[in-house]
Amino acid sequence: MEITIFGKGNMGQAIGKNFADAGNDVQYYGSKDTAERLGNIVIMAEHW
């Protein structure tokens, strides 16, 4: 499964690691990145 995470900080990396350890493909995007393709699951891990 493809996972898209908006947020490259500590929380985004921690969530992404769990998905990657489970065998999923994880893509990270920061505030200045352009997401051309979204995964099956999209997670917003931005600073509040």
Protein backbone atom coordinates (compact mmCIF):
# COMPACT_ATOMS: atom_id res chain seq x y z
CA MET A 1 0.00 0.00 0.00
CA GLU A 2 1.19 3.53 -0.66
CA ILE A 3 1.16 6.00 2.22
CA THR A 4 1.54 9.77 1.76
CA ILE A 5 2.58 11.80 4.79
CA PHE A 6 2.48 15.58 4.80
CA GLY A 7 5.06 16.50 7.41
CA LYS A 8 8.73 15.51 7.58
CA GLY A 9 9.17 16.19 11.30
CA ASN A 10 9.37 13.85 14.26
CA MET A 11 5.71 12.83 14.20
CA GLY A 12 5.62 12.26 10.44
CA GLN A 13 8.80 10.18 10.59
CA ALA A 14 7.50 8.10 13.53
CA ILE A 15 4.19 7.38 11.82
CA GLY A 16 5.94 6.63 8.52
CA LYS A 17 8.39 4.23 10.17
CA ASN A 18 5.52 2.15 11.52
CA PHE A 19 3.94 1.93 8.07
CA ALA A 20 7.30 1.15 6.42
CA ASP A 21 8.07 -1.56 8.98
CA ALA A 22 4.73 -3.15 8.06
CA GLY A 23 5.86 -3.34 4.41
CA ASN A 24 4.20 -0.25 2.96
CA ASP A 25 5.69 2.35 0.62
CA VAL A 26 5.90 5.72 2.39
CA GLN A 27 6.30 9.14 0.72
CA TYR A 28 6.98 12.29 2.73
CA TYR A 29 6.16 15.84 1.66
CA GLY A 30 7.11 19.09 3.32
CA SER A 31 5.49 22.50 3.14
CA LYS A 32 7.45 23.49 0.02
CA ASP A 33 7.03 20.16 -1.81
CA THR A 34 4.43 19.46 -4.48
CA ALA A 35 2.63 16.14 -4.20
CA GLU A 36 2.03 14.93 -7.72
CA ARG A 37 0.59 11.61 -6.65
CA LEU A 38 -1.18 10.67 -3.42
CA GLY A 39 -1.09 7.26 -1.80
CA ASN A 40 -3.99 5.08 -0.70
CA ILE A 41 -3.75 6.66 2.76
CA VAL A 42 -2.95 10.35 3.31
CA ILE A 43 -1.77 11.57 6.72
CA MET A 44 -1.46 15.17 7.83
CA ALA A 45 1.38 15.33 10.39
CA GLU A 46 1.90 19.08 10.36
CA HIS A 47 2.71 21.28 13.30
CA TRP A 48 -0.45 22.43 15.05
